């Protein structure tokens, strides 16, 4: 099982808080031409029947679903057991449901730069992060379920180095993962510091390694600057910018597609039109 040849993805962080029926929500995703959903799963457990119904409905509309896990602490050695619990949860769920109701991948949102240790001991955090990604790769392979492994990364991951080496951290991550989703959070495609500008180095790097990256944009209300989100943009502007992005990277082997963060805010944005 591999990712769709041209990805259009989105994140769902809380299935229980989504308004409307499963069918209505999948209908919206299909209208937006989504073919990949990152669905958050808590290590405390999941509502098996609700998740099963959601994935079956998504599968019926040719939408793949990856199990999404997110915790900055998952970059640290001492939290490796929690990572293992997450993988086991996905493995056990997949074993108990038909193929069309199963997760097709694991998608990680770890973001260790949110930890207080990041500034104080960055190289040590990066080294542990790398160790846990290697551990993840091994645990996913042990499931025997041919799951894709991908993750979210800031666009500046290319500026980080593997501790003690000349290799960039993004290059190393690409070697371990099936795909990377790059958070290129800007509300314009062209120009200096635009989406194309900040994502291009990673697009090129991925192509050189026979990999590809998904470029993500944000539509959530945020205090990180209006230029980082389409939340207050005019109706239709995000689609216009993303169409331009697709045209810019059309046919590029390092470009896998786009992702919109996140589903709930995307739906609100579209309803403004």
C-alpha atoms as a PDB file:
ATOM      1  CA  UNK A   1       0.000   0.000   0.000  1.00  0.00           C
ATOM      2  CA  UNK A   2       1.431   3.359  -1.007  1.00  0.00           C
ATOM      3  CA  UNK A   3       0.297   6.946  -0.797  1.00  0.00           C
ATOM      4  CA  UNK A   4      -1.908   8.316  -3.594  1.00  0.00           C
ATOM      5  CA  UNK A   5       0.251   9.523  -6.508  1.00  0.00           C
ATOM      6  CA  UNK A   6      -0.868  13.108  -5.864  1.00  0.00           C
ATOM      7  CA  UNK A   7      -1.762  13.719  -2.248  1.00  0.00           C
ATOM      8  CA  UNK A   8      -4.388  16.068  -0.917  1.00  0.00           C
ATOM      9  CA  UNK A   9      -4.439  15.539   2.829  1.00  0.00           C
ATOM     10  CA  UNK A  10      -5.905  16.976   5.996  1.00  0.00           C
ATOM     11  CA  UNK A  11      -5.730  16.422   9.758  1.00  0.00           C
ATOM     12  CA  UNK A  12      -8.624  15.423  12.023  1.00  0.00           C
ATOM     13  CA  UNK A  13      -7.603  15.885  15.650  1.00  0.00           C
ATOM     14  CA  UNK A  14     -10.831  14.870  17.389  1.00  0.00           C
ATOM     15  CA  UNK A  15     -13.327  12.635  15.648  1.00  0.00           C
ATOM     16  CA  UNK A  16     -15.773  12.944  18.551  1.00  0.00           C
ATOM     17  CA  UNK A  17     -16.009  16.732  18.285  1.00  0.00           C
ATOM     18  CA  UNK A  18     -16.743  16.850  14.568  1.00  0.00           C
ATOM     19  CA  UNK A  19     -20.135  18.297  13.749  1.00  0.00           C
ATOM     20  CA  UNK A  20     -22.445  16.337  11.476  1.00  0.00           C
ATOM     21  CA  UNK A  21     -22.551  12.699  10.492  1.00  0.00           C
ATOM     22  CA  UNK A  22     -19.605  10.633   9.290  1.00  0.00           C
ATOM     23  CA  UNK A  23     -21.173  10.595   5.841  1.00  0.00           C
ATOM     24  CA  UNK A  24     -21.491  14.401   5.762  1.00  0.00           C
ATOM     25  CA  UNK A  25     -17.873  14.878   6.816  1.00  0.00           C
ATOM     26  CA  UNK A  26     -16.541  12.422   4.249  1.00  0.00           C
ATOM     27  CA  UNK A  27     -18.713  14.136   1.629  1.00  0.00           C
ATOM     28  CA  UNK A  28     -17.006  17.457   2.417  1.00  0.00           C
ATOM     29  CA  UNK A  29     -13.586  15.813   2.205  1.00  0.00           C
ATOM     30  CA  UNK A  30     -14.487  14.306  -1.161  1.00  0.00           C
ATOM     31  CA  UNK A  31     -15.740  17.681  -2.428  1.00  0.00           C
ATOM     32  CA  UNK A  32     -12.313  19.123  -1.586  1.00  0.00           C
ATOM     33  CA  UNK A  33     -10.664  16.208  -3.439  1.00  0.00           C
ATOM     34  CA  UNK A  34      -9.041  14.907  -0.261  1.00  0.00           C
ATOM     35  CA  UNK A  35      -7.560  11.432  -0.664  1.00  0.00           C
ATOM     36  CA  UNK A  36      -5.630  11.153   2.620  1.00  0.00           C
ATOM     37  CA  UNK A  37      -6.705  11.896   6.200  1.00  0.00           C
ATOM     38  CA  UNK A  38      -4.454  11.944   9.245  1.00  0.00           C
ATOM     39  CA  UNK A  39      -6.823  10.824  12.028  1.00  0.00           C
ATOM     40  CA  UNK A  40      -5.600  11.418  15.583  1.00  0.00           C
ATOM     41  CA  UNK A  41      -5.625   8.417  17.899  1.00  0.00           C
ATOM     42  CA  UNK A  42      -5.012   8.737  21.644  1.00  0.00           C
ATOM     43  CA  UNK A  43      -2.790   6.168  23.345  1.00  0.00           C
ATOM     44  CA  UNK A  44      -5.552   5.948  25.968  1.00  0.00           C
ATOM     45  CA  UNK A  45      -7.545   4.007  23.411  1.00  0.00           C
ATOM     46  CA  UNK A  46      -9.990   4.510  20.574  1.00  0.00           C
ATOM     47  CA  UNK A  47     -13.696   4.146  19.925  1.00  0.00           C
ATOM     48  CA  UNK A  48     -13.315   1.073  17.745  1.00  0.00           C
ATOM     49  CA  UNK A  49     -16.765   1.114  16.170  1.00  0.00           C
ATOM     50  CA  UNK A  50     -16.726   4.843  15.407  1.00  0.00           C
ATOM     51  CA  UNK A  51     -13.224   4.688  13.918  1.00  0.00           C
ATOM     52  CA  UNK A  52     -14.173   1.597  11.921  1.00  0.00           C
ATOM     53  CA  UNK A  53     -17.282   3.304  10.524  1.00  0.00           C
ATOM     54  CA  UNK A  54     -15.269   6.410   9.643  1.00  0.00           C
ATOM     55  CA  UNK A  55     -12.492   4.543   7.822  1.00  0.00           C
ATOM     56  CA  UNK A  56     -14.966   2.313   5.974  1.00  0.00           C
ATOM     57  CA  UNK A  57     -16.830   5.390   4.723  1.00  0.00           C
ATOM     58  CA  UNK A  58     -13.541   7.036   3.736  1.00  0.00           C
ATOM     59  CA  UNK A  59     -12.396   3.888   1.915  1.00  0.00           C
ATOM     60  CA  UNK A  60     -15.662   3.784  -0.009  1.00  0.00           C
ATOM     61  CA  UNK A  61     -14.720   7.220  -1.373  1.00  0.00           C
ATOM     62  CA  UNK A  62     -11.092   6.257  -2.134  1.00  0.00           C
ATOM     63  CA  UNK A  63      -9.716   8.173   0.852  1.00  0.00           C
ATOM     64  CA  UNK A  64      -6.886   6.568   2.814  1.00  0.00           C
ATOM     65  CA  UNK A  65      -6.634   7.111   6.576  1.00  0.00           C
ATOM     66  CA  UNK A  66      -3.399   7.205   8.576  1.00  0.00           C
ATOM     67  CA  UNK A  67      -3.279   6.958  12.358  1.00  0.00           C
ATOM     68  CA  UNK A  68      -2.015  10.299  13.664  1.00  0.00           C
ATOM     69  CA  UNK A  69      -0.038  10.501  16.878  1.00  0.00           C
ATOM     70  CA  UNK A  70       1.302  13.720  18.331  1.00  0.00           C
ATOM     71  CA  UNK A  71       3.441  14.486  21.380  1.00  0.00           C
ATOM     72  CA  UNK A  72       6.698  16.503  21.613  1.00  0.00           C
ATOM     73  CA  UNK A  73       7.834  14.145  24.377  1.00  0.00           C
ATOM     74  CA  UNK A  74       7.960  11.300  21.861  1.00  0.00           C
ATOM     75  CA  UNK A  75      11.324  12.699  20.787  1.00  0.00           C
ATOM     76  CA  UNK A  76      12.850  11.639  24.121  1.00  0.00           C
ATOM     77  CA  UNK A  77      14.224   8.204  25.021  1.00  0.00           C
ATOM     78  CA  UNK A  78      12.248   8.030  28.245  1.00  0.00           C
ATOM     79  CA  UNK A  79       8.960   8.115  26.333  1.00  0.00           C
ATOM     80  CA  UNK A  80       9.737   5.261  23.940  1.00  0.00           C
ATOM     81  CA  UNK A  81       7.253   2.990  25.737  1.00  0.00           C
ATOM     82  CA  UNK A  82       4.496   5.450  24.849  1.00  0.00           C
ATOM     83  CA  UNK A  83       5.474   5.231  21.179  1.00  0.00           C
ATOM     84  CA  UNK A  84       5.356   1.457  21.391  1.00  0.00           C
ATOM     85  CA  UNK A  85       1.893   1.630  22.940  1.00  0.00           C
ATOM     86  CA  UNK A  86       0.679   3.771  20.050  1.00  0.00           C
ATOM     87  CA  UNK A  87       2.007   1.383  17.393  1.00  0.00           C
ATOM     88  CA  UNK A  88       0.515  -1.596  19.246  1.00  0.00           C
ATOM     89  CA  UNK A  89      -2.865   0.145  19.393  1.00  0.00           C
ATOM     90  CA  UNK A  90      -2.871   0.633  15.623  1.00  0.00           C
ATOM     91  CA  UNK A  91      -1.585  -2.896  14.956  1.00  0.00           C
ATOM     92  CA  UNK A  92      -4.208  -4.516  17.194  1.00  0.00           C
ATOM     93  CA  UNK A  93      -7.008  -2.439  15.704  1.00  0.00           C
ATOM     94  CA  UNK A  94      -5.963  -3.353  12.157  1.00  0.00           C
ATOM     95  CA  UNK A  95      -5.838  -7.038  13.065  1.00  0.00           C
ATOM     96  CA  UNK A  96      -9.448  -6.937  14.256  1.00  0.00           C
ATOM     97  CA  UNK A  97     -11.077  -5.186  11.299  1.00  0.00           C
ATOM     98  CA  UNK A  98     -11.455  -5.854   7.563  1.00  0.00           C
ATOM     99  CA  UNK A  99      -8.829  -4.362   5.263  1.00  0.00           C
ATOM    100  CA  UNK A 100     -11.151  -1.572   4.096  1.00  0.00           C
ATOM    101  CA  UNK A 101     -11.546  -0.432   7.725  1.00  0.00           C
ATOM    102  CA  UNK A 102      -7.840  -0.471   8.556  1.00  0.00           C
ATOM    103  CA  UNK A 103      -5.306   2.310   8.844  1.00  0.00           C
ATOM    104  CA  UNK A 104      -2.972   2.465   5.850  1.00  0.00           C
ATOM    105  CA  UNK A 105      -0.198   4.322   7.605  1.00  0.00           C
ATOM    106  CA  UNK A 106       1.229   5.954  10.715  1.00  0.00           C
ATOM    107  CA  UNK A 107       1.659   9.733  10.727  1.00  0.00           C
ATOM    108  CA  UNK A 108       3.679  11.349  13.508  1.00  0.00           C
ATOM    109  CA  UNK A 109       3.484  14.937  14.748  1.00  0.00           C
ATOM    110  CA  UNK A 110       6.290  15.045  17.325  1.00  0.00           C
ATOM    111  CA  UNK A 111       7.690  18.636  17.146  1.00  0.00           C
ATOM    112  CA  UNK A 112      10.389  18.457  19.889  1.00  0.00           C
ATOM    113  CA  UNK A 113      11.302  22.108  19.372  1.00  0.00           C
ATOM    114  CA  UNK A 114       8.315  22.844  21.623  1.00  0.00           C
ATOM    115  CA  UNK A 115      10.134  21.227  24.558  1.00  0.00           C
ATOM    116  CA  UNK A 116      12.086  23.331  27.075  1.00  0.00           C
ATOM    117  CA  UNK A 117      15.066  21.026  26.458  1.00  0.00           C
ATOM    118  CA  UNK A 118      15.276  22.169  22.830  1.00  0.00           C
ATOM    119  CA  UNK A 119      17.154  25.392  23.536  1.00  0.00           C
ATOM    120  CA  UNK A 120      19.191  24.036  26.420  1.00  0.00           C
ATOM    121  CA  UNK A 121      20.407  20.784  24.819  1.00  0.00           C
ATOM    122  CA  UNK A 122      19.382  20.795  21.162  1.00  0.00           C
ATOM    123  CA  UNK A 123      21.894  18.264  19.848  1.00  0.00           C
ATOM    124  CA  UNK A 124      20.968  15.798  22.565  1.00  0.00           C
ATOM    125  CA  UNK A 125      17.256  16.192  21.817  1.00  0.00           C
ATOM    126  CA  UNK A 126      17.903  15.739  18.081  1.00  0.00           C
ATOM    127  CA  UNK A 127      19.958  12.599  18.757  1.00  0.00           C
ATOM    128  CA  UNK A 128      17.166  11.119  20.871  1.00  0.00           C
ATOM    129  CA  UNK A 129      14.563  12.169  18.300  1.00  0.00           C
ATOM    130  CA  UNK A 130      16.511  10.328  15.608  1.00  0.00           C
ATOM    131  CA  UNK A 131      16.753   7.272  17.858  1.00  0.00           C
ATOM    132  CA  UNK A 132      13.009   7.247  18.386  1.00  0.00           C
ATOM    133  CA  UNK A 133      12.313   7.611  14.658  1.00  0.00           C
ATOM    134  CA  UNK A 134      14.565   4.591  14.054  1.00  0.00           C
ATOM    135  CA  UNK A 135      12.639   2.768  16.787  1.00  0.00           C
ATOM    136  CA  UNK A 136       9.355   3.752  15.118  1.00  0.00           C
ATOM    137  CA  UNK A 137      10.535   2.422  11.766  1.00  0.00           C
ATOM    138  CA  UNK A 138      11.423  -0.901  13.374  1.00  0.00           C
ATOM    139  CA  UNK A 139       8.138  -1.147  15.281  1.00  0.00           C
ATOM    140  CA  UNK A 140       6.086  -0.376  12.160  1.00  0.00           C
ATOM    141  CA  UNK A 141       7.972  -3.036  10.196  1.00  0.00           C
ATOM    142  CA  UNK A 142       7.349  -5.561  12.983  1.00  0.00           C
ATOM    143  CA  UNK A 143       3.595  -5.191  12.516  1.00  0.00           C
ATOM    144  CA  UNK A 144       3.887  -6.919   9.133  1.00  0.00           C
ATOM    145  CA  UNK A 145       1.019  -4.731   7.912  1.00  0.00           C
ATOM    146  CA  UNK A 146       2.820  -2.757   5.174  1.00  0.00           C
ATOM    147  CA  UNK A 147       2.005   0.547   6.866  1.00  0.00           C
ATOM    148  CA  UNK A 148       3.384   3.779   5.453  1.00  0.00           C
ATOM    149  CA  UNK A 149       5.367   5.900   7.924  1.00  0.00           C
ATOM    150  CA  UNK A 150       5.254   9.676   7.585  1.00  0.00           C
ATOM    151  CA  UNK A 151       5.465  12.741   9.786  1.00  0.00           C
ATOM    152  CA  UNK A 152       5.099  16.500  10.156  1.00  0.00           C
ATOM    153  CA  UNK A 153       8.158  18.755  10.066  1.00  0.00           C
ATOM    154  CA  UNK A 154       8.762  22.519   9.993  1.00  0.00           C
ATOM    155  CA  UNK A 155      10.124  23.858   6.698  1.00  0.00           C
ATOM    156  CA  UNK A 156      13.355  24.827   8.474  1.00  0.00           C
ATOM    157  CA  UNK A 157      14.224  21.209   9.344  1.00  0.00           C
ATOM    158  CA  UNK A 158      16.622  21.433   6.396  1.00  0.00           C
ATOM    159  CA  UNK A 159      18.681  23.953   8.427  1.00  0.00           C
ATOM    160  CA  UNK A 160      19.255  21.488  11.277  1.00  0.00           C
ATOM    161  CA  UNK A 161      22.235  19.160  11.275  1.00  0.00           C
ATOM    162  CA  UNK A 162      22.638  15.581  12.406  1.00  0.00           C
ATOM    163  CA  UNK A 163      24.770  16.014  15.571  1.00  0.00           C
ATOM    164  CA  UNK A 164      28.438  15.603  14.747  1.00  0.00           C
ATOM    165  CA  UNK A 165      27.769  15.130  11.027  1.00  0.00           C
ATOM    166  CA  UNK A 166      27.504  17.288   7.918  1.00  0.00           C
ATOM    167  CA  UNK A 167      24.195  15.694   6.898  1.00  0.00           C
ATOM    168  CA  UNK A 168      21.041  17.767   7.326  1.00  0.00           C
ATOM    169  CA  UNK A 169      18.389  16.395   9.655  1.00  0.00           C
ATOM    170  CA  UNK A 170      15.811  16.545   6.849  1.00  0.00           C
ATOM    171  CA  UNK A 171      17.988  14.305   4.676  1.00  0.00           C
ATOM    172  CA  UNK A 172      18.282  11.803   7.498  1.00  0.00           C
ATOM    173  CA  UNK A 173      14.530  11.859   8.181  1.00  0.00           C
ATOM    174  CA  UNK A 174      13.780  11.312   4.497  1.00  0.00           C
ATOM    175  CA  UNK A 175      15.985   8.206   4.605  1.00  0.00           C
ATOM    176  CA  UNK A 176      13.903   6.773   7.453  1.00  0.00           C
ATOM    177  CA  UNK A 177      10.382   7.770   6.422  1.00  0.00           C
ATOM    178  CA  UNK A 178       8.210   6.992   3.431  1.00  0.00           C
ATOM    179  CA  UNK A 179       7.153  10.626   3.222  1.00  0.00           C
ATOM    180  CA  UNK A 180       7.429  13.954   5.037  1.00  0.00           C
ATOM    181  CA  UNK A 181       4.750  16.598   5.385  1.00  0.00           C
ATOM    182  CA  UNK A 182       6.331  20.041   5.476  1.00  0.00           C
ATOM    183  CA  UNK A 183       4.574  22.764   7.458  1.00  0.00           C
ATOM    184  CA  UNK A 184       5.154  25.639   5.042  1.00  0.00           C
ATOM    185  CA  UNK A 185       2.715  27.892   6.853  1.00  0.00           C
ATOM    186  CA  UNK A 186       2.341  30.974   4.685  1.00  0.00           C
ATOM    187  CA  UNK A 187      -0.727  32.487   3.014  1.00  0.00           C
ATOM    188  CA  UNK A 188       0.950  33.229  -0.320  1.00  0.00           C
ATOM    189  CA  UNK A 189       2.763  30.979  -2.800  1.00  0.00           C
ATOM    190  CA  UNK A 190       5.092  33.235  -4.778  1.00  0.00           C
ATOM    191  CA  UNK A 191       7.758  35.654  -3.643  1.00  0.00           C
ATOM    192  CA  UNK A 192      10.447  35.695  -0.986  1.00  0.00           C
ATOM    193  CA  UNK A 193       9.429  33.699   2.076  1.00  0.00           C
ATOM    194  CA  UNK A 194       6.369  32.386   0.236  1.00  0.00           C
ATOM    195  CA  UNK A 195       5.308  28.743   0.267  1.00  0.00           C
ATOM    196  CA  UNK A 196       7.241  27.889  -2.883  1.00  0.00           C
ATOM    197  CA  UNK A 197      10.400  29.606  -1.637  1.00  0.00           C
ATOM    198  CA  UNK A 198      10.518  27.936   1.778  1.00  0.00           C
ATOM    199  CA  UNK A 199       9.486  24.489   0.517  1.00  0.00           C
ATOM    200  CA  UNK A 200      11.739  24.275  -2.562  1.00  0.00           C
ATOM    201  CA  UNK A 201      14.927  23.110  -0.774  1.00  0.00           C
ATOM    202  CA  UNK A 202      13.069  20.141   0.693  1.00  0.00           C
ATOM    203  CA  UNK A 203      11.364  19.351  -2.615  1.00  0.00           C
ATOM    204  CA  UNK A 204      14.794  19.173  -4.266  1.00  0.00           C
ATOM    205  CA  UNK A 205      16.301  17.162  -1.432  1.00  0.00           C
ATOM    206  CA  UNK A 206      13.463  14.649  -1.529  1.00  0.00           C
ATOM    207  CA  UNK A 207      13.831  14.195  -5.278  1.00  0.00           C
ATOM    208  CA  UNK A 208      17.547  13.507  -4.873  1.00  0.00           C
ATOM    209  CA  UNK A 209      16.668  10.658  -2.499  1.00  0.00           C
ATOM    210  CA  UNK A 210      13.844   9.242  -4.644  1.00  0.00           C
ATOM    211  CA  UNK A 211      11.372  10.425  -2.014  1.00  0.00           C
ATOM    212  CA  UNK A 212       8.690  13.096  -2.031  1.00  0.00           C
ATOM    213  CA  UNK A 213       7.207  15.606   0.387  1.00  0.00           C
ATOM    214  CA  UNK A 214       3.712  16.907   0.990  1.00  0.00           C
ATOM    215  CA  UNK A 215       3.492  20.692   1.426  1.00  0.00           C
ATOM    216  CA  UNK A 216       1.120  21.782   4.189  1.00  0.00           C
ATOM    217  CA  UNK A 217      -0.640  25.088   4.716  1.00  0.00           C
ATOM    218  CA  UNK A 218      -2.597  26.342   7.701  1.00  0.00           C
ATOM    219  CA  UNK A 219      -6.160  27.614   7.937  1.00  0.00           C
ATOM    220  CA  UNK A 220      -6.401  27.710  11.750  1.00  0.00           C
ATOM    221  CA  UNK A 221      -6.857  30.916  13.731  1.00  0.00           C
ATOM    222  CA  UNK A 222      -3.459  31.637  15.276  1.00  0.00           C
ATOM    223  CA  UNK A 223      -1.506  34.362  17.060  1.00  0.00           C
ATOM    224  CA  UNK A 224       1.684  33.480  15.140  1.00  0.00           C
ATOM    225  CA  UNK A 225       1.013  36.108  12.482  1.00  0.00           C
ATOM    226  CA  UNK A 226      -1.710  36.501   9.874  1.00  0.00           C
ATOM    227  CA  UNK A 227       0.753  35.579   7.103  1.00  0.00           C
ATOM    228  CA  UNK A 228       1.018  32.037   8.551  1.00  0.00           C
ATOM    229  CA  UNK A 229      -2.636  31.142   8.019  1.00  0.00           C
ATOM    230  CA  UNK A 230      -5.457  31.481   5.530  1.00  0.00           C
ATOM    231  CA  UNK A 231      -7.943  31.884   8.397  1.00  0.00           C
ATOM    232  CA  UNK A 232      -8.713  35.541   7.645  1.00  0.00           C
ATOM    233  CA  UNK A 233      -8.094  35.315   3.909  1.00  0.00           C
ATOM    234  CA  UNK A 234     -10.762  36.146   1.370  1.00  0.00           C
ATOM    235  CA  UNK A 235     -12.949  33.204   0.336  1.00  0.00           C
ATOM    236  CA  UNK A 236     -11.270  31.220  -2.398  1.00  0.00           C
ATOM    237  CA  UNK A 237      -7.792  32.673  -1.836  1.00  0.00           C
ATOM    238  CA  UNK A 238      -6.391  29.456  -0.394  1.00  0.00           C
ATOM    239  CA  UNK A 239      -7.601  27.439  -3.353  1.00  0.00           C
ATOM    240  CA  UNK A 240      -6.098  29.995  -5.732  1.00  0.00           C
ATOM    241  CA  UNK A 241      -2.717  29.871  -3.980  1.00  0.00           C
ATOM    242  CA  UNK A 242      -2.715  26.074  -3.800  1.00  0.00           C
ATOM    243  CA  UNK A 243      -3.584  25.812  -7.485  1.00  0.00           C
ATOM    244  CA  UNK A 244      -0.554  27.991  -8.196  1.00  0.00           C
ATOM    245  CA  UNK A 245       1.572  25.769  -5.979  1.00  0.00           C
ATOM    246  CA  UNK A 246       0.436  22.670  -7.830  1.00  0.00           C
ATOM    247  CA  UNK A 247       1.286  24.296 -11.143  1.00  0.00           C
ATOM    248  CA  UNK A 248       4.718  25.383  -9.899  1.00  0.00           C
ATOM    249  CA  UNK A 249       5.711  21.863  -8.855  1.00  0.00           C
ATOM    250  CA  UNK A 250       3.736  19.936 -11.481  1.00  0.00           C
ATOM    251  CA  UNK A 251       5.693  16.879 -12.543  1.00  0.00           C
ATOM    252  CA  UNK A 252       8.470  17.428  -9.998  1.00  0.00           C
ATOM    253  CA  UNK A 253       9.521  14.045  -8.554  1.00  0.00           C
ATOM    254  CA  UNK A 254      10.058  15.526  -5.088  1.00  0.00           C
ATOM    255  CA  UNK A 255       6.532  16.919  -4.847  1.00  0.00           C
ATOM    256  CA  UNK A 256       3.818  14.604  -3.500  1.00  0.00           C
ATOM    257  CA  UNK A 257       0.978  17.086  -3.085  1.00  0.00           C
ATOM    258  CA  UNK A 258      -0.594  19.352  -0.488  1.00  0.00           C
ATOM    259  CA  UNK A 259      -2.178  19.169   2.962  1.00  0.00           C
ATOM    260  CA  UNK A 260      -4.483  21.580   4.781  1.00  0.00           C
ATOM    261  CA  UNK A 261      -4.349  21.984   8.561  1.00  0.00           C
ATOM    262  CA  UNK A 262      -6.897  21.219   9.745  1.00  0.00           C
ATOM    263  CA  UNK A 263     -10.204  19.721   8.634  1.00  0.00           C
ATOM    264  CA  UNK A 264     -12.488  21.560  11.091  1.00  0.00           C
ATOM    265  CA  UNK A 265     -11.125  25.021  10.288  1.00  0.00           C
ATOM    266  CA  UNK A 266     -11.034  24.210   6.587  1.00  0.00           C
ATOM    267  CA  UNK A 267     -14.747  23.480   6.727  1.00  0.00           C
ATOM    268  CA  UNK A 268     -15.377  26.791   8.519  1.00  0.00           C
ATOM    269  CA  UNK A 269     -13.279  28.605   5.917  1.00  0.00           C
ATOM    270  CA  UNK A 270     -15.201  27.080   3.031  1.00  0.00           C
ATOM    271  CA  UNK A 271     -18.523  27.903   4.706  1.00  0.00           C
ATOM    272  CA  UNK A 272     -17.602  31.618   4.616  1.00  0.00           C
ATOM    273  CA  UNK A 273     -17.890  31.550   0.840  1.00  0.00           C
END
